[in-house]
N, C-alpha and C. Protein backbone atom coordinates (compact mmCIF):
# COMPACT_ATOMS: atom_id res chain seq x y z
N UNK A 1 -21.14 2.52 9.49
CA UNK A 1 -19.90 1.79 9.25
C UNK A 1 -19.12 2.52 8.17
N UNK A 2 -17.88 2.77 8.40
CA UNK A 2 -16.98 3.36 7.42
C UNK A 2 -16.20 2.22 6.77
N UNK A 3 -16.53 1.90 5.51
CA UNK A 3 -15.88 0.80 4.81
C UNK A 3 -14.56 1.29 4.24
N UNK A 4 -13.46 0.71 4.70
CA UNK A 4 -12.12 1.10 4.28
C UNK A 4 -11.60 0.27 3.13
N UNK A 5 -12.13 -0.93 2.99
CA UNK A 5 -11.68 -1.82 1.92
C UNK A 5 -12.87 -2.63 1.43
N UNK A 6 -12.98 -2.77 0.12
CA UNK A 6 -14.03 -3.57 -0.50
C UNK A 6 -13.43 -4.12 -1.78
N UNK A 7 -12.99 -5.37 -1.73
CA UNK A 7 -12.31 -5.95 -2.89
C UNK A 7 -13.01 -7.22 -3.35
N UNK A 8 -12.83 -7.52 -4.61
CA UNK A 8 -13.26 -8.79 -5.19
C UNK A 8 -12.00 -9.50 -5.66
N UNK A 9 -11.95 -10.78 -5.38
CA UNK A 9 -10.81 -11.60 -5.76
C UNK A 9 -11.28 -12.84 -6.49
N UNK A 10 -10.49 -13.31 -7.46
CA UNK A 10 -10.83 -14.59 -8.08
C UNK A 10 -10.84 -15.69 -7.02
N UNK A 11 -11.77 -16.60 -7.13
CA UNK A 11 -11.90 -17.70 -6.17
C UNK A 11 -10.83 -18.74 -6.43
N UNK A 12 -9.61 -18.39 -6.08
CA UNK A 12 -8.45 -19.26 -6.28
C UNK A 12 -7.55 -19.15 -5.06
N UNK A 13 -6.99 -20.27 -4.58
CA UNK A 13 -6.13 -20.24 -3.40
C UNK A 13 -4.95 -19.28 -3.51
N UNK A 14 -4.50 -18.98 -4.71
CA UNK A 14 -3.35 -18.07 -4.85
C UNK A 14 -3.71 -16.65 -4.41
N UNK A 15 -4.99 -16.35 -4.25
CA UNK A 15 -5.40 -14.99 -3.89
C UNK A 15 -5.69 -14.82 -2.40
N UNK A 16 -5.48 -15.85 -1.59
CA UNK A 16 -5.72 -15.73 -0.15
C UNK A 16 -4.78 -14.68 0.45
N UNK A 17 -3.56 -14.61 -0.03
CA UNK A 17 -2.62 -13.60 0.49
C UNK A 17 -3.17 -12.19 0.27
N UNK A 18 -3.73 -11.94 -0.91
CA UNK A 18 -4.32 -10.62 -1.19
C UNK A 18 -5.49 -10.35 -0.26
N UNK A 19 -6.23 -11.39 0.08
CA UNK A 19 -7.34 -11.22 1.02
C UNK A 19 -6.81 -10.76 2.38
N UNK A 20 -5.75 -11.38 2.86
CA UNK A 20 -5.16 -11.00 4.15
C UNK A 20 -4.69 -9.55 4.15
N UNK A 21 -4.25 -9.09 3.00
CA UNK A 21 -3.67 -7.75 2.91
C UNK A 21 -4.69 -6.63 3.11
N UNK A 22 -6.00 -6.92 3.15
CA UNK A 22 -6.97 -5.85 3.39
C UNK A 22 -6.75 -5.22 4.76
N UNK A 23 -6.13 -5.95 5.66
CA UNK A 23 -5.84 -5.42 7.01
C UNK A 23 -4.89 -4.22 6.92
N UNK A 24 -4.10 -4.16 5.87
CA UNK A 24 -3.11 -3.09 5.75
C UNK A 24 -3.73 -1.70 5.74
N UNK A 25 -5.05 -1.57 5.42
CA UNK A 25 -5.68 -0.25 5.45
C UNK A 25 -5.72 0.31 6.86
N UNK A 26 -5.56 -0.54 7.87
CA UNK A 26 -5.56 -0.09 9.26
C UNK A 26 -4.17 0.32 9.75
N UNK A 27 -3.13 -0.02 9.01
CA UNK A 27 -1.76 0.25 9.43
C UNK A 27 -1.48 1.74 9.34
N UNK A 28 -0.64 2.28 10.17
CA UNK A 28 0.10 1.65 11.26
C UNK A 28 -0.64 1.65 12.59
N UNK A 29 -1.88 2.07 12.60
CA UNK A 29 -2.62 2.20 13.86
C UNK A 29 -2.89 0.88 14.56
N UNK A 30 -3.00 -0.19 13.80
CA UNK A 30 -3.25 -1.50 14.39
C UNK A 30 -2.09 -2.41 14.00
N UNK A 31 -1.43 -2.92 14.98
CA UNK A 31 -0.30 -3.79 14.70
C UNK A 31 -0.31 -4.98 15.63
N UNK A 32 0.78 -5.69 15.60
CA UNK A 32 1.00 -6.77 16.53
C UNK A 32 -0.04 -7.86 16.47
N UNK A 33 -0.48 -8.27 17.65
CA UNK A 33 -1.36 -9.42 17.79
C UNK A 33 -2.71 -9.22 17.10
N UNK A 34 -3.30 -8.02 17.24
CA UNK A 34 -4.59 -7.78 16.60
C UNK A 34 -4.48 -7.88 15.09
N UNK A 35 -3.45 -7.29 14.51
CA UNK A 35 -3.26 -7.39 13.06
C UNK A 35 -3.10 -8.85 12.64
N UNK A 36 -2.31 -9.59 13.39
CA UNK A 36 -2.11 -11.01 13.07
C UNK A 36 -3.41 -11.80 13.18
N UNK A 37 -4.21 -11.51 14.22
CA UNK A 37 -5.50 -12.19 14.38
C UNK A 37 -6.43 -11.87 13.20
N UNK A 38 -6.50 -10.59 12.83
CA UNK A 38 -7.35 -10.21 11.70
C UNK A 38 -6.90 -10.92 10.42
N UNK A 39 -5.60 -10.97 10.18
CA UNK A 39 -5.09 -11.62 8.98
C UNK A 39 -5.42 -13.11 8.99
N UNK A 40 -5.28 -13.76 10.15
CA UNK A 40 -5.61 -15.18 10.26
C UNK A 40 -7.09 -15.42 9.96
N UNK A 41 -7.96 -14.62 10.57
CA UNK A 41 -9.41 -14.83 10.39
C UNK A 41 -9.83 -14.58 8.95
N UNK A 42 -9.30 -13.53 8.34
CA UNK A 42 -9.61 -13.26 6.95
C UNK A 42 -9.11 -14.39 6.06
N UNK A 43 -7.92 -14.86 6.33
CA UNK A 43 -7.35 -15.97 5.56
C UNK A 43 -8.22 -17.21 5.65
N UNK A 44 -8.68 -17.54 6.84
CA UNK A 44 -9.52 -18.72 7.04
C UNK A 44 -10.85 -18.58 6.32
N UNK A 45 -11.49 -17.41 6.44
CA UNK A 45 -12.79 -17.24 5.80
C UNK A 45 -12.66 -17.15 4.28
N UNK A 46 -11.60 -16.52 3.79
CA UNK A 46 -11.38 -16.47 2.34
C UNK A 46 -11.14 -17.87 1.80
N UNK A 47 -10.37 -18.68 2.51
CA UNK A 47 -10.12 -20.06 2.09
C UNK A 47 -11.43 -20.85 2.05
N UNK A 48 -12.27 -20.68 3.08
CA UNK A 48 -13.58 -21.36 3.09
C UNK A 48 -14.43 -20.91 1.91
N UNK A 49 -14.44 -19.61 1.63
CA UNK A 49 -15.24 -19.10 0.52
C UNK A 49 -14.75 -19.66 -0.81
N UNK A 50 -13.45 -19.78 -0.95
CA UNK A 50 -12.88 -20.33 -2.20
C UNK A 50 -13.22 -21.81 -2.33
N UNK A 51 -13.12 -22.56 -1.24
CA UNK A 51 -13.38 -24.01 -1.29
C UNK A 51 -14.85 -24.35 -1.41
N UNK A 52 -15.70 -23.59 -0.71
CA UNK A 52 -17.10 -23.99 -0.59
C UNK A 52 -18.08 -22.97 -1.16
N UNK A 53 -17.59 -21.86 -1.68
CA UNK A 53 -18.46 -20.76 -2.05
C UNK A 53 -18.93 -20.73 -3.48
N UNK A 54 -19.22 -21.86 -4.04
CA UNK A 54 -19.73 -21.92 -5.42
C UNK A 54 -21.22 -22.17 -5.40
N UNK A 55 -21.87 -21.62 -6.37
CA UNK A 55 -23.28 -21.91 -6.60
C UNK A 55 -23.33 -23.18 -7.44
N UNK A 56 -23.58 -24.30 -6.81
CA UNK A 56 -23.55 -25.60 -7.49
C UNK A 56 -24.61 -25.73 -8.58
N UNK A 57 -25.68 -24.93 -8.49
CA UNK A 57 -26.73 -25.02 -9.50
C UNK A 57 -26.37 -24.27 -10.77
N UNK A 58 -25.34 -23.44 -10.70
CA UNK A 58 -24.94 -22.66 -11.86
C UNK A 58 -23.99 -23.47 -12.73
N UNK A 59 -24.15 -23.43 -14.05
CA UNK A 59 -23.23 -24.16 -14.93
C UNK A 59 -21.83 -23.54 -14.92
N UNK A 60 -21.74 -22.28 -14.54
CA UNK A 60 -20.44 -21.59 -14.45
C UNK A 60 -20.22 -21.18 -13.01
N UNK A 61 -19.15 -21.67 -12.37
CA UNK A 61 -18.92 -21.29 -10.98
C UNK A 61 -18.65 -19.79 -10.86
N UNK A 62 -19.12 -19.20 -9.76
CA UNK A 62 -18.87 -17.79 -9.52
C UNK A 62 -17.37 -17.60 -9.34
N UNK A 63 -16.75 -16.74 -10.15
CA UNK A 63 -15.30 -16.62 -10.12
C UNK A 63 -14.76 -15.73 -9.02
N UNK A 64 -15.62 -15.06 -8.25
CA UNK A 64 -15.13 -14.08 -7.29
C UNK A 64 -15.64 -14.34 -5.88
N UNK A 65 -14.82 -13.86 -4.93
CA UNK A 65 -15.28 -13.68 -3.56
C UNK A 65 -15.10 -12.19 -3.27
N UNK A 66 -15.83 -11.71 -2.30
CA UNK A 66 -15.76 -10.29 -1.95
C UNK A 66 -15.38 -10.19 -0.49
N UNK A 67 -14.47 -9.25 -0.19
CA UNK A 67 -14.03 -9.05 1.18
C UNK A 67 -14.14 -7.56 1.50
N UNK A 68 -14.82 -7.28 2.61
CA UNK A 68 -14.97 -5.89 3.05
C UNK A 68 -14.45 -5.76 4.47
N UNK A 69 -13.80 -4.63 4.73
CA UNK A 69 -13.32 -4.31 6.07
C UNK A 69 -13.77 -2.90 6.39
N UNK A 70 -14.40 -2.74 7.55
CA UNK A 70 -14.88 -1.42 7.96
C UNK A 70 -14.66 -1.20 9.44
N UNK A 71 -14.80 0.04 9.84
CA UNK A 71 -14.68 0.40 11.25
C UNK A 71 -15.86 1.27 11.64
N UNK A 72 -16.24 1.15 12.88
CA UNK A 72 -17.25 2.01 13.48
C UNK A 72 -16.90 2.10 14.95
N UNK A 73 -16.61 3.31 15.40
CA UNK A 73 -16.19 3.55 16.77
C UNK A 73 -14.96 2.68 17.07
N UNK A 74 -15.08 1.74 17.98
CA UNK A 74 -13.93 0.91 18.36
C UNK A 74 -14.04 -0.52 17.84
N UNK A 75 -14.83 -0.72 16.77
CA UNK A 75 -15.06 -2.05 16.22
C UNK A 75 -14.53 -2.13 14.79
N UNK A 76 -13.82 -3.20 14.49
CA UNK A 76 -13.44 -3.53 13.12
C UNK A 76 -14.35 -4.67 12.69
N UNK A 77 -14.99 -4.51 11.53
CA UNK A 77 -15.88 -5.55 10.98
C UNK A 77 -15.32 -6.02 9.66
N UNK A 78 -15.29 -7.33 9.47
CA UNK A 78 -14.85 -7.94 8.22
C UNK A 78 -15.99 -8.83 7.73
N UNK A 79 -16.25 -8.76 6.43
CA UNK A 79 -17.25 -9.61 5.80
C UNK A 79 -16.60 -10.32 4.62
N UNK A 80 -16.92 -11.60 4.48
CA UNK A 80 -16.48 -12.37 3.32
C UNK A 80 -17.74 -12.89 2.63
N UNK A 81 -17.89 -12.55 1.34
CA UNK A 81 -19.08 -12.86 0.56
C UNK A 81 -18.73 -13.91 -0.50
N UNK A 82 -19.63 -14.85 -0.70
CA UNK A 82 -19.49 -15.80 -1.81
C UNK A 82 -20.88 -16.22 -2.26
N UNK A 83 -20.96 -17.05 -3.30
CA UNK A 83 -22.25 -17.47 -3.85
C UNK A 83 -22.62 -18.90 -3.43
N UNK A 84 -21.96 -19.40 -2.42
CA UNK A 84 -22.21 -20.77 -2.00
C UNK A 84 -23.48 -20.95 -1.20
N UNK A 85 -23.78 -22.21 -0.87
CA UNK A 85 -25.02 -22.53 -0.17
C UNK A 85 -24.97 -22.19 1.32
N UNK A 86 -23.80 -21.91 1.85
CA UNK A 86 -23.67 -21.63 3.27
C UNK A 86 -23.44 -22.91 4.05
N UNK A 87 -23.53 -22.80 5.36
CA UNK A 87 -23.27 -23.95 6.22
C UNK A 87 -24.05 -23.78 7.51
N UNK A 88 -24.25 -24.87 8.17
CA UNK A 88 -24.80 -24.86 9.51
C UNK A 88 -23.62 -25.11 10.44
N UNK A 89 -23.37 -24.17 11.31
CA UNK A 89 -22.20 -24.27 12.17
C UNK A 89 -22.37 -25.35 13.23
N UNK A 90 -21.37 -26.22 13.34
CA UNK A 90 -21.33 -27.24 14.37
C UNK A 90 -20.06 -27.00 15.18
N UNK A 91 -20.18 -26.69 16.48
CA UNK A 91 -18.99 -26.42 17.29
C UNK A 91 -18.04 -27.61 17.32
N UNK A 92 -16.76 -27.31 17.33
CA UNK A 92 -15.74 -28.35 17.45
C UNK A 92 -15.62 -28.72 18.92
N UNK A 93 -15.68 -29.99 19.21
CA UNK A 93 -15.54 -30.46 20.57
C UNK A 93 -14.11 -30.82 20.89
N UNK A 94 -13.84 -31.26 22.10
CA UNK A 94 -12.48 -31.59 22.50
C UNK A 94 -11.91 -32.80 21.75
N UNK A 95 -12.78 -33.60 21.14
CA UNK A 95 -12.30 -34.79 20.43
C UNK A 95 -12.39 -34.63 18.91
N UNK A 96 -12.42 -33.40 18.45
CA UNK A 96 -12.49 -33.14 17.01
C UNK A 96 -11.24 -33.66 16.31
N UNK A 97 -11.44 -34.12 15.11
CA UNK A 97 -10.34 -34.65 14.32
C UNK A 97 -9.42 -33.53 13.88
N UNK A 98 -8.11 -33.79 13.82
CA UNK A 98 -7.19 -32.79 13.29
C UNK A 98 -7.41 -32.63 11.78
N UNK A 99 -6.87 -31.61 11.22
CA UNK A 99 -7.01 -31.38 9.78
C UNK A 99 -7.80 -30.13 9.51
N UNK A 100 -8.57 -30.14 8.44
CA UNK A 100 -9.32 -28.94 8.06
C UNK A 100 -10.54 -28.76 8.95
N UNK A 101 -11.21 -27.65 8.77
CA UNK A 101 -12.42 -27.38 9.52
C UNK A 101 -12.22 -26.50 10.73
N UNK A 102 -11.09 -25.84 10.83
CA UNK A 102 -10.80 -25.02 11.99
C UNK A 102 -11.12 -23.54 11.80
N UNK A 103 -11.41 -23.10 10.58
CA UNK A 103 -11.59 -21.68 10.30
C UNK A 103 -12.66 -21.01 11.15
N UNK A 104 -13.86 -21.57 11.18
CA UNK A 104 -14.94 -20.97 11.95
C UNK A 104 -14.65 -21.09 13.45
N UNK A 105 -13.97 -22.13 13.85
CA UNK A 105 -13.56 -22.26 15.25
C UNK A 105 -12.65 -21.10 15.64
N UNK A 106 -11.69 -20.76 14.78
CA UNK A 106 -10.82 -19.62 15.06
C UNK A 106 -11.61 -18.32 15.12
N UNK A 107 -12.57 -18.15 14.21
CA UNK A 107 -13.40 -16.95 14.23
C UNK A 107 -14.14 -16.87 15.56
N UNK A 108 -14.73 -17.97 15.98
CA UNK A 108 -15.44 -17.99 17.26
C UNK A 108 -14.51 -17.62 18.41
N UNK A 109 -13.32 -18.17 18.39
CA UNK A 109 -12.39 -17.99 19.49
C UNK A 109 -11.84 -16.57 19.56
N UNK A 110 -11.53 -15.97 18.42
CA UNK A 110 -10.83 -14.69 18.41
C UNK A 110 -11.74 -13.46 18.22
N UNK A 111 -12.91 -13.64 17.64
CA UNK A 111 -13.77 -12.49 17.35
C UNK A 111 -14.65 -12.15 18.54
N UNK A 112 -14.99 -10.89 18.62
CA UNK A 112 -15.93 -10.41 19.64
C UNK A 112 -17.34 -10.94 19.33
N UNK A 113 -17.75 -10.83 18.07
CA UNK A 113 -19.04 -11.32 17.58
C UNK A 113 -18.82 -11.82 16.17
N UNK A 114 -19.69 -12.72 15.73
CA UNK A 114 -19.64 -13.17 14.34
C UNK A 114 -20.98 -13.77 13.97
N UNK A 115 -21.19 -13.93 12.69
CA UNK A 115 -22.42 -14.53 12.22
C UNK A 115 -22.31 -14.87 10.75
N UNK A 116 -23.34 -15.50 10.22
CA UNK A 116 -23.35 -15.91 8.82
C UNK A 116 -24.78 -16.04 8.35
N UNK A 117 -24.99 -15.81 7.08
CA UNK A 117 -26.31 -15.97 6.50
C UNK A 117 -26.35 -15.45 5.09
N UNK A 118 -27.46 -15.70 4.43
CA UNK A 118 -27.66 -15.20 3.07
C UNK A 118 -28.31 -13.83 3.12
N UNK A 119 -27.90 -12.94 2.22
CA UNK A 119 -28.58 -11.65 2.10
C UNK A 119 -29.73 -11.80 1.12
N UNK A 120 -30.41 -10.71 0.83
CA UNK A 120 -31.59 -10.75 -0.02
C UNK A 120 -31.29 -11.18 -1.45
N UNK A 121 -30.04 -11.06 -1.90
CA UNK A 121 -29.70 -11.48 -3.27
C UNK A 121 -29.22 -12.93 -3.33
N UNK A 122 -29.13 -13.60 -2.19
CA UNK A 122 -28.66 -14.98 -2.16
C UNK A 122 -27.18 -15.13 -1.90
N UNK A 123 -26.49 -14.03 -1.69
CA UNK A 123 -25.06 -14.08 -1.39
C UNK A 123 -24.87 -14.55 0.05
N UNK A 124 -23.95 -15.48 0.24
CA UNK A 124 -23.62 -15.97 1.58
C UNK A 124 -22.57 -15.03 2.15
N UNK A 125 -22.79 -14.58 3.37
CA UNK A 125 -21.86 -13.67 4.03
C UNK A 125 -21.51 -14.23 5.40
N UNK A 126 -20.21 -14.34 5.65
CA UNK A 126 -19.72 -14.65 6.99
C UNK A 126 -19.02 -13.37 7.46
N UNK A 127 -19.39 -12.90 8.64
CA UNK A 127 -18.82 -11.66 9.15
C UNK A 127 -18.31 -11.89 10.57
N UNK A 128 -17.37 -11.03 10.95
CA UNK A 128 -16.92 -11.03 12.34
C UNK A 128 -16.54 -9.62 12.72
N UNK A 129 -16.55 -9.38 14.02
CA UNK A 129 -16.17 -8.09 14.56
C UNK A 129 -15.17 -8.30 15.68
N UNK A 130 -14.18 -7.43 15.73
CA UNK A 130 -13.22 -7.40 16.83
C UNK A 130 -13.16 -5.98 17.37
N UNK A 131 -12.90 -5.88 18.63
CA UNK A 131 -12.79 -4.58 19.29
C UNK A 131 -11.34 -4.12 19.23
N UNK A 132 -11.18 -2.84 18.93
CA UNK A 132 -9.85 -2.26 18.94
C UNK A 132 -9.37 -2.10 20.37
N UNK A 133 -8.08 -2.29 20.62
CA UNK A 133 -7.56 -2.08 21.98
C UNK A 133 -7.72 -0.62 22.40
N UNK A 134 -7.81 -0.37 23.68
CA UNK A 134 -8.06 0.96 24.22
C UNK A 134 -7.15 2.06 23.65
N UNK A 135 -5.85 1.88 23.56
CA UNK A 135 -5.01 2.98 23.06
C UNK A 135 -5.34 3.41 21.64
N UNK A 136 -5.94 2.54 20.83
CA UNK A 136 -6.22 2.85 19.43
C UNK A 136 -7.58 3.49 19.22
N UNK A 137 -8.45 3.41 20.21
CA UNK A 137 -9.83 3.84 20.01
C UNK A 137 -9.95 5.32 19.66
N UNK A 138 -9.19 6.16 20.31
CA UNK A 138 -9.35 7.58 20.03
C UNK A 138 -8.31 8.11 19.06
N UNK A 139 -7.32 7.31 18.70
CA UNK A 139 -6.24 7.81 17.84
C UNK A 139 -6.19 7.14 16.49
N UNK A 140 -7.24 6.39 16.12
CA UNK A 140 -7.21 5.70 14.82
C UNK A 140 -7.11 6.70 13.68
N UNK A 141 -6.16 6.46 12.82
CA UNK A 141 -6.08 7.18 11.56
C UNK A 141 -5.98 6.13 10.48
N UNK A 142 -6.42 6.47 9.29
CA UNK A 142 -6.49 5.48 8.24
C UNK A 142 -5.59 5.89 7.10
N UNK A 143 -4.82 4.93 6.61
CA UNK A 143 -3.87 5.19 5.55
C UNK A 143 -4.50 5.32 4.19
N UNK A 144 -5.74 4.87 4.00
CA UNK A 144 -6.40 4.94 2.71
C UNK A 144 -7.79 5.51 2.89
N UNK A 145 -8.35 6.01 1.83
CA UNK A 145 -9.69 6.58 1.89
C UNK A 145 -10.73 5.47 2.07
N UNK A 146 -11.85 5.86 2.56
CA UNK A 146 -12.95 4.91 2.70
C UNK A 146 -13.47 4.54 1.32
N UNK A 147 -14.07 3.39 1.23
CA UNK A 147 -14.67 2.95 -0.03
C UNK A 147 -15.89 3.81 -0.30
N UNK A 148 -16.00 4.34 -1.51
CA UNK A 148 -17.15 5.17 -1.88
C UNK A 148 -18.39 4.30 -1.96
N UNK A 149 -19.45 4.81 -1.39
CA UNK A 149 -20.71 4.09 -1.46
C UNK A 149 -20.73 2.90 -0.52
N UNK A 150 -21.88 2.32 -0.39
CA UNK A 150 -22.05 1.15 0.46
C UNK A 150 -23.12 0.29 -0.17
N UNK A 151 -22.76 -0.48 -1.21
CA UNK A 151 -23.78 -1.21 -1.94
C UNK A 151 -24.53 -2.25 -1.11
N UNK A 152 -23.98 -2.64 0.01
CA UNK A 152 -24.63 -3.66 0.84
C UNK A 152 -24.55 -3.20 2.30
N UNK A 153 -25.30 -2.17 2.70
CA UNK A 153 -25.18 -1.63 4.04
C UNK A 153 -25.58 -2.65 5.11
N UNK A 154 -24.86 -2.62 6.22
CA UNK A 154 -25.08 -3.60 7.28
C UNK A 154 -26.50 -3.57 7.81
N UNK A 155 -27.13 -2.41 7.87
CA UNK A 155 -28.47 -2.32 8.42
C UNK A 155 -29.54 -2.94 7.55
N UNK A 156 -29.24 -3.21 6.29
CA UNK A 156 -30.25 -3.73 5.36
C UNK A 156 -30.12 -5.23 5.12
N UNK A 157 -29.41 -5.92 5.92
CA UNK A 157 -29.20 -7.34 5.72
C UNK A 157 -30.36 -8.15 6.28
N UNK A 158 -30.50 -9.35 5.77
CA UNK A 158 -31.45 -10.27 6.38
C UNK A 158 -30.66 -11.09 7.39
N UNK A 159 -30.30 -12.32 7.10
CA UNK A 159 -29.59 -13.15 8.06
C UNK A 159 -28.15 -12.77 8.28
N UNK A 160 -27.51 -12.11 7.34
CA UNK A 160 -26.07 -11.91 7.43
C UNK A 160 -25.68 -10.76 8.34
N UNK A 161 -26.49 -9.75 8.49
CA UNK A 161 -26.07 -8.58 9.24
C UNK A 161 -26.55 -8.54 10.67
N UNK A 162 -27.57 -9.33 10.98
CA UNK A 162 -28.12 -9.30 12.32
C UNK A 162 -28.11 -10.71 12.89
N UNK A 163 -27.76 -10.85 14.16
CA UNK A 163 -27.82 -12.18 14.75
C UNK A 163 -29.24 -12.73 14.69
N UNK A 164 -29.34 -14.02 14.47
CA UNK A 164 -30.63 -14.69 14.49
C UNK A 164 -30.46 -16.00 15.24
N UNK A 165 -31.53 -16.72 15.37
CA UNK A 165 -31.45 -17.98 16.10
C UNK A 165 -30.54 -18.98 15.40
N UNK A 166 -30.58 -19.00 14.06
CA UNK A 166 -29.78 -19.98 13.32
C UNK A 166 -28.36 -19.49 13.08
N UNK A 167 -28.21 -18.23 12.77
CA UNK A 167 -26.89 -17.68 12.47
C UNK A 167 -26.79 -16.33 13.15
N UNK A 168 -25.74 -16.14 13.87
CA UNK A 168 -25.59 -14.84 14.52
C UNK A 168 -24.44 -14.86 15.48
N UNK A 169 -24.63 -14.22 16.59
CA UNK A 169 -23.58 -14.13 17.58
C UNK A 169 -23.50 -15.47 18.30
N UNK A 170 -22.50 -16.25 17.94
CA UNK A 170 -22.39 -17.62 18.45
C UNK A 170 -21.62 -17.71 19.77
N UNK A 171 -21.26 -16.59 20.37
CA UNK A 171 -20.50 -16.64 21.61
C UNK A 171 -21.29 -17.34 22.70
N UNK A 172 -22.57 -17.05 22.84
CA UNK A 172 -23.37 -17.68 23.90
C UNK A 172 -23.50 -19.17 23.69
N UNK A 173 -23.60 -19.60 22.45
CA UNK A 173 -23.71 -21.02 22.12
C UNK A 173 -22.54 -21.79 22.71
N UNK A 174 -21.34 -21.23 22.59
CA UNK A 174 -20.15 -21.91 23.10
C UNK A 174 -20.05 -21.78 24.60
N UNK A 175 -20.49 -20.66 25.13
CA UNK A 175 -20.39 -20.46 26.57
C UNK A 175 -21.21 -21.50 27.32
N UNK A 176 -22.33 -21.93 26.74
CA UNK A 176 -23.17 -22.90 27.42
C UNK A 176 -22.85 -24.34 27.01
N UNK A 177 -22.06 -24.49 25.93
CA UNK A 177 -21.77 -25.84 25.45
C UNK A 177 -20.74 -26.54 26.30
N UNK A 178 -19.97 -25.78 27.07
CA UNK A 178 -19.01 -26.37 27.99
C UNK A 178 -17.81 -26.82 27.32
């Protein structure tokens, strides 16, 4: 994975816009609907991390969330990290109440794959992957350099980097849920 963006933001709603802006590292190669989808998904996950991503056992709330965006071949991967307890995903049904709680539903609907889990340090990570459209696959160029180093490589994750029974690629779960 070539990590193009790796930022930490204060866990405050005023920083959600900065979270969305990580997509700009893909410009101008990715535009239109895909860029808008990526910005929406990042915004939703950053908002969830800000609202729910605190370590309640700590006397001082974790002040940061971390957002990473990377590419590998024709896949864009985004990860949002926080210190919260995580969640057990419950699919939204046709009679779901309006209001909040739509972020993970949007991720499920728009992402190719997604998952969530704690890594070995206890950090909660929600990730998703989207496929680049065919015209961009062989012509991707990047406006910014890749992030040096990879302090949390995807291959070394426990629950967060690999699908598992509890957290992982939830596409099949919805396909059979009707």
